[in-house]
Every structure is written in C-alpha cells, then in structure tokens.
Amino acid sequence: MDSRLLAAIVLAVVTAGCRKSGGNSSAAAAKAGGMGIQVVAVPALKRPVNESVSLVGTVVPNEMIEVKAETDGTVGEIRFKEGERVAQGDLLVALDDTKAAAQLKEAESRLTLARTSFARVEQLYKDRLIAQSEYDAASAESAEKAAIVDVKRRELRDTRVIAPFAGITGARLVSPGQVISKNTRLTWLVDLDTVKVEVEVPERYLSQLKVGQPVEFRVAAFPKDSFKGEIYFISPQLDPGNRTALVKARIPNGDAKLRGGMFASLDLGLQLRDAALVIPEPAIINNGDATFVFVVTPTNTAALKPVKIGLRLSGSVEVLDGMVEGERVVVEGIQKLRPGVPVTTGDPAAAAPYLEARP
C-alpha cells in the first residue's frame, strides 16, 4: 500500500479521535496511568456465507392461451363455467354447425357420385375403350371431391372449440347467439399446476448460475409464504440494451396460490462458501476505495490494517484478504485509536452482541 495513503488514513483517524476526546488526552492518560484505551474487540471468525442477489421477477403460467374459434359462425352453446378446471379435450364452445353439416353432406354425395363414375371409367380404360386422358380426368375429379370432403369435415370440427390442455378457464367473453369471427376471443385457458418465474439477471452474475439451481421467492399476496423451485432455462443471448439475460425457474403450484402476473421478490443463490472470514460491519473504516480496520495485537496495542472485503451481510462483512481467523478487530472505541496506542478490551459481555449477530 502507498505509504502516503496509509499516513492520510492514520491522520484522519487521529484527528477524529482528538476532536471527540479533547486532543490526545486519552493517549496521554493511557501512557501516564499505565492503562490502555477502553475498546470492544471481537475475533474474526469463519462462518458459512451464502452469496445471493435480490431481484424482481414475474410469475407466468406454465401454459396460457386466448381461446378462439378457427372459423366464423354463431355461438350455439357454451359448455364451460368461468374459473372452472377443465380437462384436455373438453368441449368449451359449440358453434351452430347446421350449415357446415349440410355442406359436408353435399360434398359426400358429390364424392360418392364421382367415385361411381370413376369406377365405370376405370373399367372402360382396362377394356381399352377410352383414352388415357379420359381416365386421368375422372381420377382427378374423384380425388378433388375427396379433398373437398376432408375440408368440409375439418370445417365441421372447427365449429367445436376444444381445450388443448388441462387448465382453468377465464372470464366468458361471448354469449349464445353471438356472431363471431376467427379473431373473437372467447375466454382464456391457463395452466397453473406449475408456474414459471421469469427474471432478468445482470451479466456479472451469469457465471454463477446453472440449470437445476434452486431459487426461492415471495409474493406480496402471501408475504409469509416462501416458494421454492429451480432454474430450467438461461438465455444464450443477452439483451443488448441493459446487458441482462432472461432466466426462468419452474415452481410447483398445486394449490394454485400463484397467479400469472404476480411480482416475485427473488433471492437468487449464487455461491455458498463454507468457511468465509467474517467480522462485524462497525469495524470497517472506509476511505475512498480503501478499507481499513483496527486490530488488537498480541501485546494489546492498536494496529491499523488494510483489508479487502467481499460480501456485505446483515451486520457483518466478509474479509477476503488482510486478516486471519482469530485476529481481534475493534468494533467500539475506534475514534480514540491510533496505531501503536495501548488498548484494553474491557468487559467480554460488551462483545457478545457482535458475536451473536454473525451469520
């Protein structure tokens, strides 16, 4: 470390101590009386630390569609109730099918006639009584009539709106007798047995995410409940505007508490360190980009040490470099200290709250 920077920090700390304690009277008194300055110090301890990031995501259903008919027509019958659970294949809405049924019957009659005619032509062709072109024309007409029947059968099926998957229906948006088009929304169908949480994760965290990683989140509607799931998708492409990647997690939702559109307050676990060195946050002295702590040496004097900090926790800070386990760090009385001054650690009970606050 630059000696000028360290000297500046020492001067700042000493100056603060002088202002609050009336010059250097505390240090002088300590030397004169043979007693150290009273401080509270606690040892740096190794604790498991779970690094996480708090993000806001959105709950989306596992599947969700706007239910629409595939043909124009008149609503004949509505077979679902709003908000009820339906099975895959259940009939939701039936349109008036009289016109489609009549057209199918007509097409089938034409097909029967075409096939009878083609059978006669085929026999004449085998007996070499007609030309190849007549045979080909009769064959094509029969095939055409068959294709028309297939289309009419499909049009008749399209008058019945079927649930493509099991789910819960939304509000009913049409009434019996209403004339609709293919673009008319009839209702919604939502599968909530499983839901997804979609969240945009900043680029710098992506290296610590993987498919199968557990996630935990809460929603405002159920503030006391915690919902758990796991990541199943990490986008291979970042949003160039904000440098985030879409991440999706899948969550079981058998009780249907979670609904699409809810905000999810997500605690995304990034990294678990089983033995991180942790000290109380009040011990930290910040000066621009530099961070320092006062430690109590084996000879009971104060020493100012630069440290590199990592994760900030609730009331505690992870130390990545600059200290070792068991080293005593000053958490109270810092403003009175300067390097080399004798210290007294005082009543151990005063240090108890800082030890209990560790993660």
Foldseek 3Di string as FASTA:
>chain_A
DPPVVVVVVLVVLQVLQCVVPVHLVQLVCCVVVVHFAEFAKDFWFWAKDWDWDKFKWFKAFPDKDQFFFQFWAFWADADDDAFDKDAFFDWGTAGDLPVLVVQLVVLVVQLVVLVVVLVVVVVCVVVVNDDPVVNVVSVVSNVVSVVSNVVSVVVSVSSTGTHRGIFTWHDADDDGGDTDGRPDGGTMGGHHQKMKIKTWAAPVLVVQDDWFAKKWWDFPVCRVDIWIWTWHDWDPDADVVRRTIITMTMTGDNVSPDDGGTMITIIGGRDMDGTFTKFFPLQWDDDPPWIWGWWQDPVQWTDIWTWDWDDDDDRMTTTDDTDDGGTMTTNGPSSNHGGGRHYDNPDNVVCVVRVVPDD
